[in-house]
Amino acid sequence: MTGSLDADVTVHVDRAEQTHIVFRARNGTPSLRVTLPQQGVLDEARRALDAGLLELKDVLPALDVDDRDVPKVFSALHRIGRRLAFLLFGLEPDVIQGLQVFWNSALPYGRNPDLPPRLVECIGDKDTFLPLELLPLYQLYPNAPANREELIVECRTLVGFSCMVKRTMLLPAPPSGLCLEVTSGGRLPLRFLHHELLEGARKELGWFTSAAAHRVEVDGPYPYGDTAAATLAEQIFDPRRSLAGELRSVPDQILHFACHCYATLNSPLDNEIELSGGGQELRVKLGTIGEDLLGLKSRPDQGSYEMPLVVMNACGAARMHATSALSFPYLFLMNGNRGFIGSEIEVPDGVAAEFSKALYEPLLLRRLPLGRSVFEARTSLLHRHGNPLGIAYATYADPQLHVSPELTEDVHVSAN
């Protein structure tokens, strides 16, 4: 894994006097250019995404979906994609059919579960991202599944269940290193920031410190006791310095949040992260974090090191709107972090904990690249529990980002 993957399909949102979406394929399929019907439709699409994901959450009975619940779950899921397609592309038959022809020609074997998932890259600024994962571009009207086995098959009509999806923001390029380093003992440094009242957060920490303890070196949780004296911005700013104040040779490689997030306001800078632990409670606005980071970065003699990947599991009773969720990855990518993984809305506690375990098991224990690990986490929830809510997680990171294999063992990862 010496370089980044070339995308099989790129989807570029270009805004000028009108907004255009340009689809390009690596296999030579002729490019497709679609002009959106009106200005502001992308904002309307994200509002529809928010409402649709909330409806999907409401019809999910629990983490596990029984066969009897499959029809209404799939109806809610696929209705999101159809509504988005209607808003974005209108009702012109040539456009609708052209999209399906392009997608099936560009990725002719994309729905085959026995083949490696293809990579789709969505490129735009923070206000123009398509909810590409939810679009049923292979087939706008699939068969209605009657059980979980059929649900798995029909979900592959959606981009997020058939492809790895990388979102690329038009920002100054972050550091290009694709390798997450381990310590001399073969463990990956991970800083854990949490809300201690969330059962899912406790489950995540328990997995890191038990089943994955031989592969993960956890610093945290934060806040807890005296650690709350350090601001949240200080936890983000210098990945070399531990909670105890020690300077480590291998900085944090992952910054993992298991917390409440609030993205309910019109101003992105007023969106908030809420943490708690050891009797300490912190609720910090993104604008405050940005101001504090600016002050920290203005100090002389800054070191040169790669910033960690950020994984943000927003769960529990927090309210995160898909319309403003983009402010969270925007902050961290502006900070130079190597990537961001997070959900468009808050997800139920149990789903968040299960997605976290399903993500880190291939990434940390099996040493698969990040893009494949996110895809496996999403499909793991679907296969093991019949739950499609993993599609709410978006990835802003190079899919080839990976953990370096331990020097003490021979680790083989399939090219697929």
Protein backbone atom coordinates (compact mmCIF):
# COMPACT_ATOMS: atom_id res chain seq x y z
CA MET A 1 0.00 0.00 0.00
CA THR A 2 2.43 2.62 -1.25
CA GLY A 3 -0.06 5.07 -2.78
CA SER A 4 -3.66 6.12 -2.92
CA LEU A 5 -6.19 4.23 -5.01
CA ASP A 6 -7.55 5.69 -8.23
CA ALA A 7 -11.33 6.03 -8.01
CA ASP A 8 -13.39 3.88 -10.34
CA VAL A 9 -15.94 6.69 -10.51
CA THR A 10 -15.55 10.36 -9.55
CA VAL A 11 -18.56 12.57 -8.87
CA HIS A 12 -17.65 16.26 -8.92
CA VAL A 13 -20.08 19.00 -7.88
CA ASP A 14 -19.26 22.21 -9.73
CA ARG A 15 -20.99 25.44 -8.77
CA ALA A 16 -20.95 28.49 -11.01
CA GLU A 17 -24.06 30.26 -12.30
CA GLN A 18 -25.68 26.84 -12.18
CA THR A 19 -24.78 23.73 -10.22
CA HIS A 20 -23.53 20.79 -12.27
CA ILE A 21 -22.70 17.23 -11.25
CA VAL A 22 -20.08 15.58 -13.44
CA PHE A 23 -19.77 11.77 -13.37
CA ARG A 24 -16.53 10.28 -14.73
CA ALA A 25 -15.55 6.63 -15.00
CA ARG A 26 -12.09 5.09 -15.05
CA ASN A 27 -13.08 2.27 -17.41
CA GLY A 28 -13.77 4.57 -20.36
CA THR A 29 -17.54 4.93 -20.00
CA PRO A 30 -18.45 8.34 -21.48
CA SER A 31 -18.74 11.04 -18.82
CA LEU A 32 -22.14 12.31 -17.78
CA ARG A 33 -22.91 15.93 -16.89
CA VAL A 34 -26.16 16.76 -15.10
CA THR A 35 -27.40 20.29 -14.43
CA LEU A 36 -29.40 20.58 -11.23
CA PRO A 37 -32.90 21.98 -11.74
CA GLN A 38 -32.55 24.99 -9.42
CA GLN A 39 -30.25 26.80 -7.01
CA GLY A 40 -30.52 25.69 -3.41
CA VAL A 41 -31.54 22.14 -4.30
CA LEU A 42 -28.52 20.67 -2.51
CA ASP A 43 -29.64 22.29 0.74
CA GLU A 44 -33.12 20.92 0.19
CA ALA A 45 -31.63 17.49 -0.49
CA ARG A 46 -29.77 17.51 2.83
CA ARG A 47 -32.97 18.47 4.64
CA ALA A 48 -34.66 15.53 2.95
CA LEU A 49 -31.74 13.30 3.98
CA ASP A 50 -32.15 14.40 7.58
CA ALA A 51 -35.89 13.72 7.61
CA GLY A 52 -35.44 10.40 5.83
CA LEU A 53 -32.76 9.10 8.20
CA LEU A 54 -34.91 10.08 11.17
CA GLU A 55 -37.81 8.13 9.69
CA LEU A 56 -35.53 5.14 9.13
CA LYS A 57 -34.41 5.29 12.77
CA ASP A 58 -38.02 5.40 13.91
CA VAL A 59 -39.01 2.24 12.01
CA LEU A 60 -35.98 0.28 13.20
CA PRO A 61 -37.25 -1.71 16.19
CA ALA A 62 -33.77 -2.25 17.69
CA LEU A 63 -30.27 -3.18 16.60
CA ASP A 64 -31.61 -6.50 15.25
CA VAL A 65 -34.27 -6.44 12.52
CA ASP A 66 -36.65 -9.40 12.20
CA ASP A 67 -38.01 -10.64 8.90
CA ARG A 68 -41.43 -9.18 9.70
CA ASP A 69 -39.91 -5.69 9.95
CA VAL A 70 -37.92 -5.92 6.70
CA PRO A 71 -40.57 -4.48 4.31
CA LYS A 72 -41.10 -1.25 6.28
CA VAL A 73 -37.37 -0.85 7.00
CA PHE A 74 -36.43 -1.21 3.34
CA SER A 75 -39.29 1.03 2.25
CA ALA A 76 -38.03 3.81 4.54
CA LEU A 77 -34.43 3.29 3.40
CA HIS A 78 -35.12 3.25 -0.33
CA ARG A 79 -37.59 6.13 -0.10
CA ILE A 80 -34.70 8.34 1.06
CA GLY A 81 -32.77 7.59 -2.11
CA ARG A 82 -35.74 8.09 -4.42
CA ARG A 83 -36.61 11.41 -2.78
CA LEU A 84 -33.01 12.58 -3.13
CA ALA A 85 -32.89 11.49 -6.78
CA PHE A 86 -36.15 13.33 -7.47
CA LEU A 87 -34.89 16.55 -5.87
CA LEU A 88 -31.49 16.41 -7.56
CA PHE A 89 -32.37 15.17 -11.03
CA GLY A 90 -36.04 15.96 -11.53
CA LEU A 91 -38.35 13.86 -13.68
CA GLU A 92 -36.64 14.02 -17.07
CA PRO A 93 -36.64 10.44 -18.43
CA ASP A 94 -33.39 10.98 -20.37
CA VAL A 95 -31.57 12.13 -17.21
CA ILE A 96 -32.94 9.35 -14.99
CA GLN A 97 -32.23 6.59 -17.50
CA GLY A 98 -28.87 8.12 -18.38
CA LEU A 99 -27.78 7.96 -14.73
CA GLN A 100 -28.64 4.27 -14.45
CA VAL A 101 -26.97 3.46 -17.78
CA PHE A 102 -23.81 5.32 -16.75
CA TRP A 103 -23.61 3.69 -13.33
CA ASN A 104 -24.15 0.15 -14.56
CA SER A 105 -21.65 0.67 -17.39
CA ALA A 106 -19.02 2.31 -15.16
CA LEU A 107 -19.35 -0.35 -12.43
CA PRO A 108 -20.76 -3.41 -14.24
CA TYR A 109 -19.91 -5.86 -11.46
CA GLY A 110 -20.35 -3.46 -8.56
CA ARG A 111 -23.26 -5.37 -7.01
CA ASN A 112 -21.42 -8.69 -6.94
CA PRO A 113 -20.64 -9.44 -3.26
CA ASP A 114 -17.94 -11.94 -4.25
CA LEU A 115 -15.81 -9.18 -5.80
CA PRO A 116 -13.95 -6.39 -3.98
CA PRO A 117 -16.01 -3.20 -3.61
CA ARG A 118 -15.18 -0.47 -6.10
CA LEU A 119 -14.13 3.05 -5.04
CA VAL A 120 -16.30 6.09 -5.71
CA GLU A 121 -14.94 9.56 -4.89
CA CYS A 122 -17.31 12.47 -4.30
CA ILE A 123 -15.61 15.87 -4.61
CA GLY A 124 -16.99 19.24 -3.54
CA ASP A 125 -16.82 22.04 -1.02
CA LYS A 126 -18.46 21.72 2.38
CA ASP A 127 -21.77 23.09 1.07
CA THR A 128 -22.09 20.91 -2.03
CA PHE A 129 -21.68 17.32 -0.89
CA LEU A 130 -24.09 14.84 -2.39
CA PRO A 131 -25.58 12.22 -0.05
CA LEU A 132 -24.20 9.78 -2.60
CA GLU A 133 -24.27 6.74 -0.32
CA LEU A 134 -28.09 6.73 -0.22
CA LEU A 135 -28.70 7.06 -3.97
CA PRO A 136 -30.07 3.90 -5.70
CA LEU A 137 -28.15 4.53 -8.92
CA TYR A 138 -28.00 0.89 -9.99
CA GLN A 139 -31.77 0.52 -9.97
CA LEU A 140 -34.24 3.18 -8.87
CA TYR A 141 -37.08 0.71 -8.32
CA PRO A 142 -35.75 -2.58 -6.93
CA ASN A 143 -37.79 -5.54 -5.77
CA ALA A 144 -39.38 -5.28 -2.33
CA PRO A 145 -37.61 -7.74 0.03
CA ALA A 146 -39.63 -10.03 2.28
CA ASN A 147 -36.84 -11.19 4.61
CA ARG A 148 -33.33 -10.30 5.74
CA GLU A 149 -31.64 -12.36 3.05
CA GLU A 150 -33.51 -10.49 0.32
CA LEU A 151 -32.88 -7.19 2.13
CA ILE A 152 -29.13 -7.70 1.84
CA VAL A 153 -29.44 -8.30 -1.91
CA GLU A 154 -31.67 -5.29 -2.59
CA CYS A 155 -29.54 -2.93 -0.48
CA ARG A 156 -26.78 -3.40 -3.03
CA THR A 157 -28.74 -1.14 -5.37
CA LEU A 158 -27.59 1.72 -3.11
CA VAL A 159 -24.13 3.20 -3.68
CA GLY A 160 -23.12 2.92 -0.01
CA PHE A 161 -23.81 -0.83 0.16
CA SER A 162 -22.07 -1.66 -3.13
CA CYS A 163 -19.07 0.69 -3.14
CA MET A 164 -16.48 2.30 -0.92
CA VAL A 165 -17.26 6.02 -0.90
CA LYS A 166 -14.59 8.65 -0.25
CA ARG A 167 -15.63 12.26 0.27
CA THR A 168 -12.99 14.82 -0.69
CA MET A 169 -13.41 18.40 0.51
CA LEU A 170 -11.83 21.16 -1.53
CA LEU A 171 -9.43 22.26 1.21
CA PRO A 172 -5.65 22.61 1.56
CA ALA A 173 -4.34 19.08 1.28
CA PRO A 174 -3.67 17.37 4.65
CA PRO A 175 -0.47 15.36 5.21
CA SER A 176 -0.28 12.55 2.71
CA GLY A 177 1.04 9.76 4.92
CA LEU A 178 -1.03 6.62 4.50
CA CYS A 179 0.45 4.65 7.40
CA LEU A 180 -0.84 4.72 10.98
CA GLU A 181 2.16 4.01 13.18
CA VAL A 182 2.40 1.55 16.05
CA THR A 183 4.65 1.63 19.10
CA SER A 184 7.68 -0.60 19.54
CA GLY A 185 5.31 -3.05 21.22
CA GLY A 186 3.08 -3.17 18.14
CA ARG A 187 0.17 -1.19 19.62
CA LEU A 188 -1.59 1.74 17.96
CA PRO A 189 -1.91 4.93 20.10
CA LEU A 190 -5.58 5.98 20.34
CA ARG A 191 -7.00 8.86 22.38
CA PHE A 192 -10.48 8.13 23.72
CA LEU A 193 -12.86 11.02 24.42
CA HIS A 194 -16.27 10.09 25.79
CA HIS A 195 -19.55 10.78 27.51
CA GLU A 196 -19.47 8.33 30.39
CA LEU A 197 -23.27 8.03 30.69
CA LEU A 198 -23.52 6.42 27.27
CA GLU A 199 -23.60 2.65 27.52
CA GLY A 200 -22.28 2.41 23.98
CA ALA A 201 -19.24 4.52 24.90
CA ARG A 202 -18.50 2.17 27.81
CA LYS A 203 -18.79 -0.82 25.47
CA GLU A 204 -16.39 0.77 22.99
CA LEU A 205 -13.81 1.50 25.69
CA GLY A 206 -14.24 -2.02 27.06
CA TRP A 207 -13.53 -3.54 23.63
CA PHE A 208 -10.41 -1.40 23.14
CA THR A 209 -9.05 -2.41 26.56
CA SER A 210 -9.90 -6.13 26.34
CA ALA A 211 -10.33 -7.85 22.95
CA ALA A 212 -8.14 -5.26 21.19
CA ALA A 213 -5.75 -4.49 24.06
CA HIS A 214 -2.84 -6.23 22.32
CA ARG A 215 -3.25 -3.94 19.29
CA VAL A 216 -4.38 -0.63 20.87
CA GLU A 217 -2.70 1.67 23.40
CA VAL A 218 -5.56 3.75 24.82
CA ASP A 219 -4.88 7.18 26.28
CA GLY A 220 -7.96 8.21 28.24
CA PRO A 221 -10.78 8.39 28.74
CA TYR A 222 -11.05 12.14 28.58
CA PRO A 223 -12.38 13.88 30.57
CA TYR A 224 -11.72 12.09 33.82
CA GLY A 225 -10.64 13.71 37.08
CA ASP A 226 -7.62 15.98 36.61
CA THR A 227 -7.59 15.47 32.84
CA ALA A 228 -10.48 17.94 32.51
CA ALA A 229 -8.00 20.73 33.31
CA ALA A 230 -6.76 20.46 29.73
CA THR A 231 -9.13 22.03 27.19
CA LEU A 232 -10.68 20.02 24.37
CA ALA A 233 -8.65 22.06 21.88
CA GLU A 234 -5.45 21.00 23.67
CA GLN A 235 -6.48 17.35 23.31
CA ILE A 236 -6.91 17.90 19.58
CA PHE A 237 -3.87 20.14 19.02
CA ASP A 238 -0.85 18.06 20.04
CA PRO A 239 -1.18 14.30 19.52
CA ARG A 240 2.30 13.71 20.94
CA ARG A 241 1.43 14.80 24.48
CA SER A 242 -0.44 12.28 26.63
CA LEU A 243 -3.18 13.13 29.11
CA ALA A 244 -0.52 12.86 31.82
CA GLY A 245 1.55 15.51 30.02
CA GLU A 246 4.26 13.14 28.78
CA LEU A 247 5.80 13.61 25.33
CA ARG A 248 5.60 10.31 23.45
CA SER A 249 7.69 9.08 20.54
CA VAL A 250 4.61 7.88 18.62
CA PRO A 251 1.76 10.44 18.61
CA ASP A 252 -1.94 9.59 18.69
CA GLN A 253 -2.91 7.92 15.44
CA ILE A 254 -6.66 7.93 16.07
CA LEU A 255 -8.77 10.44 17.97
CA HIS A 256 -11.95 8.57 18.89
CA PHE A 257 -15.06 10.37 20.17
CA ALA A 258 -17.95 8.45 21.75
CA CYS A 259 -20.12 11.34 22.81
CA HIS A 260 -23.06 13.64 22.22
CA CYS A 261 -22.95 16.05 19.30
CA TYR A 262 -25.38 18.87 18.63
CA ALA A 263 -25.79 20.28 15.15
CA THR A 264 -29.15 21.97 15.41
CA LEU A 265 -28.34 25.62 14.78
CA ASN A 266 -28.03 27.70 11.64
CA SER A 267 -24.48 28.77 12.45
CA PRO A 268 -21.97 25.90 12.06
CA LEU A 269 -19.68 27.50 14.65
CA ASP A 270 -22.42 27.12 17.28
CA ASN A 271 -22.61 23.33 16.85
CA GLU A 272 -21.34 21.52 19.92
CA ILE A 273 -19.49 18.49 21.27
CA GLU A 274 -20.53 17.25 24.72
CA LEU A 275 -18.23 15.08 26.85
CA SER A 276 -18.36 13.93 30.46
CA GLY A 277 -16.36 11.81 32.88
CA GLY A 278 -15.28 11.63 36.51
CA GLY A 279 -17.80 14.24 37.55
CA GLN A 280 -16.64 16.64 34.83
CA GLU A 281 -18.92 17.85 32.04
CA LEU A 282 -17.78 19.72 28.95
CA ARG A 283 -19.99 21.17 26.23
CA VAL A 284 -17.88 23.09 23.74
CA LYS A 285 -18.87 24.96 20.58
CA LEU A 286 -16.94 24.35 17.39
CA GLY A 287 -16.22 28.07 17.15
CA THR A 288 -14.57 27.99 20.58
CA ILE A 289 -12.46 24.99 19.58
CA GLY A 290 -11.39 26.81 16.42
CA GLU A 291 -10.44 29.95 18.32
CA ASP A 292 -8.42 27.94 20.85
CA LEU A 293 -6.66 26.00 18.10
CA LEU A 294 -5.75 29.25 16.38
CA GLY A 295 -4.11 30.46 19.60
CA LEU A 296 -2.21 27.20 20.06
CA LYS A 297 -0.99 27.18 16.45
CA SER A 298 0.32 30.74 16.78
CA ARG A 299 2.99 29.61 19.23
CA PRO A 300 6.53 29.37 17.84
CA ASP A 301 8.51 26.16 17.38
CA GLN A 302 5.61 23.94 16.31
CA GLY A 303 6.65 20.34 15.69
CA SER A 304 6.15 18.51 12.43
CA TYR A 305 4.03 15.38 12.74
CA GLU A 306 1.04 13.75 11.14
CA MET A 307 -2.33 14.50 12.76
CA PRO A 308 -4.54 11.56 13.75
CA LEU A 309 -7.58 10.17 12.00
CA VAL A 310 -10.77 11.35 13.75
CA VAL A 311 -13.64 8.92 14.36
CA MET A 312 -16.74 10.60 15.80
CA ASN A 313 -19.56 8.40 17.05
CA ALA A 314 -22.46 10.75 17.82
CA CYS A 315 -24.99 8.70 19.70
CA GLY A 316 -27.57 8.67 22.46
CA ALA A 317 -30.06 11.48 22.89
CA ALA A 318 -28.07 14.17 21.05
CA ARG A 319 -29.63 15.81 18.00
CA MET A 320 -27.49 16.09 14.92
CA HIS A 321 -29.04 17.37 11.70
CA ALA A 322 -27.67 16.15 8.39
CA THR A 323 -28.03 19.72 7.12
CA SER A 324 -25.27 20.95 9.44
CA ALA A 325 -23.27 17.77 10.22
CA LEU A 326 -20.65 18.80 7.65
CA SER A 327 -19.28 21.36 10.11
CA PHE A 328 -17.64 18.58 12.16
CA PRO A 329 -15.43 17.08 9.41
CA TYR A 330 -14.75 20.60 8.13
CA LEU A 331 -13.21 21.65 11.48
CA PHE A 332 -10.92 18.63 11.72
CA LEU A 333 -9.87 18.61 8.07
CA MET A 334 -9.03 22.33 8.34
CA ASN A 335 -6.92 21.35 11.38
CA GLY A 336 -4.87 19.00 9.18
CA ASN A 337 -6.21 15.71 10.54
CA ARG A 338 -5.66 12.83 8.15
CA GLY A 339 -9.32 12.06 7.87
CA PHE A 340 -12.73 12.05 9.49
CA ILE A 341 -15.37 9.34 9.89
CA GLY A 342 -18.74 10.25 11.35
CA SER A 343 -22.48 9.87 10.94
CA GLU A 344 -24.84 12.30 9.22
CA ILE A 345 -27.19 12.15 12.23
CA GLU A 346 -26.91 10.77 15.74
CA VAL A 347 -27.41 7.02 15.84
CA PRO A 348 -28.82 4.81 18.62
CA ASP A 349 -26.31 3.90 21.31
CA GLY A 350 -26.25 0.19 20.53
CA VAL A 351 -25.84 0.74 16.78
CA ALA A 352 -22.96 3.18 17.38
CA ALA A 353 -21.09 0.69 19.58
CA GLU A 354 -21.63 -2.13 17.08
CA PHE A 355 -20.46 0.01 14.15
CA SER A 356 -17.34 1.01 16.09
CA LYS A 357 -16.40 -2.60 16.80
CA ALA A 358 -17.16 -3.62 13.21
CA LEU A 359 -14.92 -0.80 11.94
CA TYR A 360 -11.92 -1.39 14.18
CA GLU A 361 -11.89 -5.17 13.99
CA PRO A 362 -10.74 -5.23 10.33
CA LEU A 363 -8.70 -2.03 10.64
CA LEU A 364 -6.76 -2.89 13.81
CA LEU A 365 -6.85 -6.66 14.09
CA ARG A 366 -6.85 -7.74 10.45
CA ARG A 367 -4.89 -4.76 9.11
CA LEU A 368 -7.27 -3.99 6.24
CA PRO A 369 -7.17 -0.48 4.70
CA LEU A 370 -9.58 2.12 6.05
CA GLY A 371 -11.89 2.25 3.03
CA ARG A 372 -12.46 -1.50 3.08
CA SER A 373 -12.86 -1.43 6.89
CA VAL A 374 -15.62 1.20 6.70
CA PHE A 375 -17.37 -0.76 3.94
CA GLU A 376 -17.16 -3.96 6.02
CA ALA A 377 -18.51 -2.15 9.10
CA ARG A 378 -21.49 -0.87 7.14
CA THR A 379 -22.25 -4.25 5.60
CA SER A 380 -21.56 -6.07 8.88
CA LEU A 381 -24.50 -4.33 10.54
CA LEU A 382 -26.66 -5.30 7.58
CA HIS A 383 -25.57 -8.96 7.45
CA ARG A 384 -25.41 -9.66 11.20
CA HIS A 385 -28.39 -7.64 12.35
CA GLY A 386 -30.42 -6.75 9.25
CA ASN A 387 -29.76 -3.12 10.20
CA PRO A 388 -28.98 -0.65 7.35
CA LEU A 389 -28.17 2.38 9.54
CA GLY A 390 -24.44 1.98 8.95
CA ILE A 391 -25.06 3.78 5.67
CA ALA A 392 -25.42 7.00 7.72
CA TYR A 393 -21.63 7.03 8.30
CA ALA A 394 -19.53 9.09 5.87
CA THR A 395 -15.78 8.90 5.25
CA TYR A 396 -13.54 11.87 4.52
CA ALA A 397 -10.20 10.06 4.31
CA ASP A 398 -7.92 8.23 1.93
CA PRO A 399 -9.26 4.66 1.59
CA GLN A 400 -5.67 3.33 1.62
CA LEU A 401 -4.94 4.68 5.11
CA HIS A 402 -3.83 1.64 7.11
CA VAL A 403 -2.11 0.43 10.27
CA SER A 404 1.48 -0.66 9.80
CA PRO A 405 1.84 -4.43 10.36
CA GLU A 406 3.68 -5.46 13.51
CA LEU A 407 7.32 -6.30 12.89
CA THR A 408 7.10 -9.39 15.09
CA GLU A 409 4.57 -11.24 12.94
CA ASP A 410 3.97 -11.96 9.28
CA VAL A 411 0.75 -10.19 8.37
CA HIS A 412 -0.82 -10.95 5.01
CA VAL A 413 -3.72 -8.90 3.65
CA SER A 414 -5.43 -10.01 0.46
CA ALA A 415 -5.04 -7.67 -2.49
CA ASN A 416 -8.82 -7.77 -2.71
